[in-house]
Amino acid sequence: MKNAIILHGKPTKQLFYDTTFPSTSNYYWLPWLQKQLVSRDIPTHTPEVPNNWRADYLVWLKEFERYDITPETILVGHSCGAGFLLRWLSEHPEVKVDRVVLAAPWLNPKNEEETEDFFKFTLDPNLVQRTNGLRVLYADDDFQNILDTVDVLQEKVNGISYRLLKGYGHFYDDRRMEFPEILEEILA
């Protein structure tokens, strides 16, 4: 049975502890996308990684692997969540999934200390072959480290489809409560 997992990014510590701000998995376009998929009879989970302001791969791994991941699973990730999915797929060559759609993927190309261990892995250049397509959405005005990550992916991973959006930033401001472009890529 087809299912989907939507994985959020990594907020700042300040934002994580801000009680006026929704939890990371329940803000921006993530709940909207979950509803769009559920209304198409695709059971969809948006896990909330504990203390997600910390980039602790083992914590993210434990939370992510609580869900069924089958050849019919659609994986969606934003920013650090997208980077997590790239690592997880690279480290699990036996796993096949349906579509993978990444928005503003981040792999820490500048080796920032706070997430250095989170991204210590080797990208599988052929990981797309174990999917029904891997699509990357990114914006021309995103952070430089995201644009650098897209360059790394273009250089090191075969078969990814890219979609450049103009003026979308990091896909996470208050204007981005709906994200029809990502839904299009999932359903394509």
C-alpha atoms as a PDB file:
ATOM      1  CA  MET A   1       0.000   0.000   0.000  1.00  0.00           C
ATOM      2  CA  LYS A   2       1.301   3.431  -0.948  1.00  0.00           C
ATOM      3  CA  ASN A   3       2.256   5.683   1.958  1.00  0.00           C
ATOM      4  CA  ALA A   4       4.288   8.856   2.466  1.00  0.00           C
ATOM      5  CA  ILE A   5       6.672  10.318   5.015  1.00  0.00           C
ATOM      6  CA  ILE A   6       7.315  14.073   5.093  1.00  0.00           C
ATOM      7  CA  LEU A   7      10.427  15.014   7.060  1.00  0.00           C
ATOM      8  CA  HIS A   8      10.906  18.550   8.353  1.00  0.00           C
ATOM      9  CA  GLY A   9      14.129  20.535   8.498  1.00  0.00           C
ATOM     10  CA  LYS A  10      16.190  21.707  11.462  1.00  0.00           C
ATOM     11  CA  PRO A  11      15.030  24.904  13.171  1.00  0.00           C
ATOM     12  CA  THR A  12      17.224  27.096  15.303  1.00  0.00           C
ATOM     13  CA  LYS A  13      17.299  26.346  19.029  1.00  0.00           C
ATOM     14  CA  GLN A  14      15.509  29.643  19.680  1.00  0.00           C
ATOM     15  CA  LEU A  15      12.682  28.805  17.281  1.00  0.00           C
ATOM     16  CA  PHE A  16      12.386  25.263  18.629  1.00  0.00           C
ATOM     17  CA  TYR A  17      11.777  26.567  22.161  1.00  0.00           C
ATOM     18  CA  ASP A  18       9.521  29.440  21.087  1.00  0.00           C
ATOM     19  CA  THR A  19       6.106  28.452  22.501  1.00  0.00           C
ATOM     20  CA  THR A  20       4.304  30.773  20.079  1.00  0.00           C
ATOM     21  CA  PHE A  21       5.680  28.878  17.076  1.00  0.00           C
ATOM     22  CA  PRO A  22       4.115  25.570  15.942  1.00  0.00           C
ATOM     23  CA  SER A  23       6.129  22.378  16.103  1.00  0.00           C
ATOM     24  CA  THR A  24       8.444  21.907  13.146  1.00  0.00           C
ATOM     25  CA  SER A  25       6.371  19.147  11.563  1.00  0.00           C
ATOM     26  CA  ASN A  26       3.181  21.219  11.833  1.00  0.00           C
ATOM     27  CA  TYR A  27       4.098  24.443  10.153  1.00  0.00           C
ATOM     28  CA  TYR A  28       4.638  26.007   6.788  1.00  0.00           C
ATOM     29  CA  TRP A  29       3.509  23.736   3.956  1.00  0.00           C
ATOM     30  CA  LEU A  30       3.980  20.384   5.692  1.00  0.00           C
ATOM     31  CA  PRO A  31       0.425  20.024   7.146  1.00  0.00           C
ATOM     32  CA  TRP A  32      -1.046  21.252   3.867  1.00  0.00           C
ATOM     33  CA  LEU A  33       0.915  18.631   1.918  1.00  0.00           C
ATOM     34  CA  GLN A  34      -0.036  15.905   4.373  1.00  0.00           C
ATOM     35  CA  LYS A  35      -3.725  16.779   3.905  1.00  0.00           C
ATOM     36  CA  GLN A  36      -3.341  16.787   0.110  1.00  0.00           C
ATOM     37  CA  LEU A  37      -1.864  13.284   0.160  1.00  0.00           C
ATOM     38  CA  VAL A  38      -4.279  11.894   2.750  1.00  0.00           C
ATOM     39  CA  SER A  39      -7.206  13.200   0.707  1.00  0.00           C
ATOM     40  CA  ARG A  40      -5.812  11.121  -2.179  1.00  0.00           C
ATOM     41  CA  ASP A  41      -5.877   8.002   0.031  1.00  0.00           C
ATOM     42  CA  ILE A  42      -2.128   8.040   0.663  1.00  0.00           C
ATOM     43  CA  PRO A  43      -1.523   7.551   4.409  1.00  0.00           C
ATOM     44  CA  THR A  44       1.026  10.219   5.306  1.00  0.00           C
ATOM     45  CA  HIS A  45       3.174  10.789   8.381  1.00  0.00           C
ATOM     46  CA  THR A  46       5.004  13.946   9.386  1.00  0.00           C
ATOM     47  CA  PRO A  47       7.299  12.751  12.170  1.00  0.00           C
ATOM     48  CA  GLU A  48       8.481  15.240  14.763  1.00  0.00           C
ATOM     49  CA  VAL A  49      12.131  14.522  15.563  1.00  0.00           C
ATOM     50  CA  PRO A  50      12.786  15.165  19.279  1.00  0.00           C
ATOM     51  CA  ASN A  51      15.077  18.144  19.925  1.00  0.00           C
ATOM     52  CA  ASN A  52      15.316  18.606  16.186  1.00  0.00           C
ATOM     53  CA  TRP A  53      17.305  21.811  16.541  1.00  0.00           C
ATOM     54  CA  ARG A  54      20.214  19.467  17.223  1.00  0.00           C
ATOM     55  CA  ALA A  55      21.523  17.599  14.250  1.00  0.00           C
ATOM     56  CA  ASP A  56      21.875  14.231  15.985  1.00  0.00           C
ATOM     57  CA  TYR A  57      21.666  11.631  13.243  1.00  0.00           C
ATOM     58  CA  LEU A  58      20.907   8.722  15.578  1.00  0.00           C
ATOM     59  CA  VAL A  59      17.909  10.555  17.057  1.00  0.00           C
ATOM     60  CA  TRP A  60      16.606  11.414  13.577  1.00  0.00           C
ATOM     61  CA  LEU A  61      17.228   7.805  12.474  1.00  0.00           C
ATOM     62  CA  LYS A  62      15.302   6.333  15.398  1.00  0.00           C
ATOM     63  CA  GLU A  63      12.301   8.566  14.755  1.00  0.00           C
ATOM     64  CA  PHE A  64      12.317   7.995  10.985  1.00  0.00           C
ATOM     65  CA  GLU A  65      12.630   4.215  11.167  1.00  0.00           C
ATOM     66  CA  ARG A  66       9.472   3.925  13.299  1.00  0.00           C
ATOM     67  CA  TYR A  67       7.529   4.120  10.025  1.00  0.00           C
ATOM     68  CA  ASP A  68       6.983   1.481   7.355  1.00  0.00           C
ATOM     69  CA  ILE A  69       9.271   2.085   4.400  1.00  0.00           C
ATOM     70  CA  THR A  70       8.404  -0.055   1.394  1.00  0.00           C
ATOM     71  CA  PRO A  71       8.863   0.119  -2.375  1.00  0.00           C
ATOM     72  CA  GLU A  72       5.582   2.092  -2.396  1.00  0.00           C
ATOM     73  CA  THR A  73       6.713   4.721   0.126  1.00  0.00           C
ATOM     74  CA  ILE A  74       6.987   8.321  -1.034  1.00  0.00           C
ATOM     75  CA  LEU A  75       9.702  10.255   0.798  1.00  0.00           C
ATOM     76  CA  VAL A  76       9.587  14.043   1.069  1.00  0.00           C
ATOM     77  CA  GLY A  77      12.185  16.123   2.874  1.00  0.00           C
ATOM     78  CA  HIS A  78      12.878  19.786   3.471  1.00  0.00           C
ATOM     79  CA  SER A  79      16.363  21.207   4.087  1.00  0.00           C
ATOM     80  CA  CYS A  80      18.098  19.130   6.778  1.00  0.00           C
ATOM     81  CA  GLY A  81      15.306  16.543   6.485  1.00  0.00           C
ATOM     82  CA  ALA A  82      16.144  16.216   2.785  1.00  0.00           C
ATOM     83  CA  GLY A  83      19.808  15.773   3.682  1.00  0.00           C
ATOM     84  CA  PHE A  84      18.830  13.108   6.186  1.00  0.00           C
ATOM     85  CA  LEU A  85      16.920  11.226   3.472  1.00  0.00           C
ATOM     86  CA  LEU A  86      19.924  11.380   1.136  1.00  0.00           C
ATOM     87  CA  ARG A  87      22.145   9.933   3.850  1.00  0.00           C
ATOM     88  CA  TRP A  88      19.624   7.279   4.825  1.00  0.00           C
ATOM     89  CA  LEU A  89      19.139   6.145   1.237  1.00  0.00           C
ATOM     90  CA  SER A  90      22.907   6.164   0.645  1.00  0.00           C
ATOM     91  CA  GLU A  91      23.503   4.012   3.735  1.00  0.00           C
ATOM     92  CA  HIS A  92      20.684   1.565   2.936  1.00  0.00           C
ATOM     93  CA  PRO A  93      21.438   0.247  -0.573  1.00  0.00           C
ATOM     94  CA  GLU A  94      19.010  -2.636  -0.074  1.00  0.00           C
ATOM     95  CA  VAL A  95      16.024  -0.286   0.255  1.00  0.00           C
ATOM     96  CA  LYS A  96      13.756   0.595  -2.658  1.00  0.00           C
ATOM     97  CA  VAL A  97      11.177   3.356  -2.392  1.00  0.00           C
ATOM     98  CA  ASP A  98       8.689   5.063  -4.651  1.00  0.00           C
ATOM     99  CA  ARG A  99       9.237   8.713  -5.427  1.00  0.00           C
ATOM    100  CA  VAL A 100      11.622  10.960  -3.463  1.00  0.00           C
ATOM    101  CA  VAL A 101      11.019  14.709  -3.527  1.00  0.00           C
ATOM    102  CA  LEU A 102      13.418  17.077  -1.789  1.00  0.00           C
ATOM    103  CA  ALA A 103      12.856  20.791  -1.214  1.00  0.00           C
ATOM    104  CA  ALA A 104      15.950  22.922  -0.593  1.00  0.00           C
ATOM    105  CA  PRO A 105      18.161  19.949   0.341  1.00  0.00           C
ATOM    106  CA  TRP A 106      21.063  20.630   2.669  1.00  0.00           C
ATOM    107  CA  LEU A 107      24.189  18.506   3.074  1.00  0.00           C
ATOM    108  CA  ASN A 108      26.370  20.979   4.987  1.00  0.00           C
ATOM    109  CA  PRO A 109      28.844  21.546   2.131  1.00  0.00           C
ATOM    110  CA  LYS A 110      30.778  24.052   4.261  1.00  0.00           C
ATOM    111  CA  ASN A 111      31.213  21.528   7.125  1.00  0.00           C
ATOM    112  CA  GLU A 112      29.651  23.737   9.759  1.00  0.00           C
ATOM    113  CA  GLU A 113      30.600  22.337  13.139  1.00  0.00           C
ATOM    114  CA  GLU A 114      27.076  21.998  14.561  1.00  0.00           C
ATOM    115  CA  THR A 115      26.012  19.499  11.892  1.00  0.00           C
ATOM    116  CA  GLU A 116      29.367  18.063  10.912  1.00  0.00           C
ATOM    117  CA  ASP A 117      28.648  14.529  12.217  1.00  0.00           C
ATOM    118  CA  PHE A 118      25.100  14.514  10.815  1.00  0.00           C
ATOM    119  CA  PHE A 119      26.484  14.647   7.293  1.00  0.00           C
ATOM    120  CA  LYS A 120      29.519  12.347   7.606  1.00  0.00           C
ATOM    121  CA  PHE A 121      28.665   9.861   4.894  1.00  0.00           C
ATOM    122  CA  THR A 122      29.335   9.120   1.257  1.00  0.00           C
ATOM    123  CA  LEU A 123      26.578   9.872  -1.231  1.00  0.00           C
ATOM    124  CA  ASP A 124      25.556   6.830  -3.256  1.00  0.00           C
ATOM    125  CA  PRO A 125      25.897   8.074  -6.858  1.00  0.00           C
ATOM    126  CA  ASN A 126      23.309   5.519  -7.985  1.00  0.00           C
ATOM    127  CA  LEU A 127      20.684   5.892  -5.264  1.00  0.00           C
ATOM    128  CA  VAL A 128      18.133   7.211  -7.786  1.00  0.00           C
ATOM    129  CA  GLN A 129      18.050   3.753  -9.388  1.00  0.00           C
ATOM    130  CA  ARG A 130      16.334   2.453  -6.246  1.00  0.00           C
ATOM    131  CA  THR A 131      13.493   4.957  -6.571  1.00  0.00           C
ATOM    132  CA  ASN A 132      10.738   5.814  -9.017  1.00  0.00           C
ATOM    133  CA  GLY A 133      12.435   9.148  -9.459  1.00  0.00           C
ATOM    134  CA  LEU A 134      14.226  11.654  -7.272  1.00  0.00           C
ATOM    135  CA  ARG A 135      13.278  15.286  -7.732  1.00  0.00           C
ATOM    136  CA  VAL A 136      14.915  18.332  -6.175  1.00  0.00           C
ATOM    137  CA  LEU A 137      13.124  21.663  -5.906  1.00  0.00           C
ATOM    138  CA  TYR A 138      15.261  24.658  -5.085  1.00  0.00           C
ATOM    139  CA  ALA A 139      14.994  28.422  -5.343  1.00  0.00           C
ATOM    140  CA  ASP A 140      17.270  30.915  -7.028  1.00  0.00           C
ATOM    141  CA  ASP A 141      17.239  33.088  -3.870  1.00  0.00           C
ATOM    142  CA  ASP A 142      17.818  30.375  -1.245  1.00  0.00           C
ATOM    143  CA  PHE A 143      20.751  30.348   1.180  1.00  0.00           C
ATOM    144  CA  GLN A 144      24.140  29.829  -0.463  1.00  0.00           C
ATOM    145  CA  ASN A 145      24.699  26.544   1.397  1.00  0.00           C
ATOM    146  CA  ILE A 146      21.544  25.153  -0.237  1.00  0.00           C
ATOM    147  CA  LEU A 147      22.693  26.251  -3.687  1.00  0.00           C
ATOM    148  CA  ASP A 148      26.085  24.675  -2.920  1.00  0.00           C
ATOM    149  CA  THR A 149      24.325  21.444  -1.923  1.00  0.00           C
ATOM    150  CA  VAL A 150      22.478  21.383  -5.254  1.00  0.00           C
ATOM    151  CA  ASP A 151      25.861  21.749  -6.988  1.00  0.00           C
ATOM    152  CA  VAL A 152      27.214  18.793  -4.973  1.00  0.00           C
ATOM    153  CA  LEU A 153      24.211  16.663  -5.912  1.00  0.00           C
ATOM    154  CA  GLN A 154      24.517  17.571  -9.598  1.00  0.00           C
ATOM    155  CA  GLU A 155      28.160  16.537  -9.497  1.00  0.00           C
ATOM    156  CA  LYS A 156      27.883  13.347  -7.426  1.00  0.00           C
ATOM    157  CA  VAL A 157      24.454  11.725  -7.928  1.00  0.00           C
ATOM    158  CA  ASN A 158      23.222  10.404 -11.264  1.00  0.00           C
ATOM    159  CA  GLY A 159      19.662  10.798 -12.496  1.00  0.00           C
ATOM    160  CA  ILE A 160      18.182  13.475 -10.238  1.00  0.00           C
ATOM    161  CA  SER A 161      15.608  15.804 -11.815  1.00  0.00           C
ATOM    162  CA  TYR A 162      15.874  19.437 -10.773  1.00  0.00           C
ATOM    163  CA  ARG A 163      13.272  22.181 -10.681  1.00  0.00           C
ATOM    164  CA  LEU A 164      14.389  25.760 -10.071  1.00  0.00           C
ATOM    165  CA  LEU A 165      11.751  28.099  -8.678  1.00  0.00           C
ATOM    166  CA  LYS A 166      12.180  31.858  -8.777  1.00  0.00           C
ATOM    167  CA  GLY A 167      11.781  33.875  -5.589  1.00  0.00           C
ATOM    168  CA  TYR A 168      10.788  31.045  -3.239  1.00  0.00           C
ATOM    169  CA  GLY A 169      13.598  31.517  -0.716  1.00  0.00           C
ATOM    170  CA  HIS A 170      14.030  28.525   1.563  1.00  0.00           C
ATOM    171  CA  PHE A 171      10.380  27.403   1.192  1.00  0.00           C
ATOM    172  CA  TYR A 172       9.620  28.272   4.798  1.00  0.00           C
ATOM    173  CA  ASP A 173       8.291  31.734   5.333  1.00  0.00           C
ATOM    174  CA  ASP A 174       4.701  32.657   6.138  1.00  0.00           C
ATOM    175  CA  ARG A 175       3.947  32.971   2.418  1.00  0.00           C
ATOM    176  CA  ARG A 176       4.646  29.279   1.964  1.00  0.00           C
ATOM    177  CA  MET A 177       1.686  27.697   3.768  1.00  0.00           C
ATOM    178  CA  GLU A 178       0.795  25.846   0.561  1.00  0.00           C
ATOM    179  CA  PHE A 179       3.252  24.382  -1.904  1.00  0.00           C
ATOM    180  CA  PRO A 180       1.440  23.109  -5.021  1.00  0.00           C
ATOM    181  CA  GLU A 181       4.715  22.654  -6.926  1.00  0.00           C
ATOM    182  CA  ILE A 182       5.902  19.954  -4.546  1.00  0.00           C
ATOM    183  CA  LEU A 183       2.554  18.189  -4.785  1.00  0.00           C
ATOM    184  CA  GLU A 184       2.879  18.238  -8.585  1.00  0.00           C
ATOM    185  CA  GLU A 185       6.289  16.570  -8.337  1.00  0.00           C
ATOM    186  CA  ILE A 186       4.984  13.910  -5.959  1.00  0.00           C
ATOM    187  CA  LEU A 187       2.014  13.067  -8.151  1.00  0.00           C
ATOM    188  CA  ALA A 188       3.808  13.365 -11.533  1.00  0.00           C
END
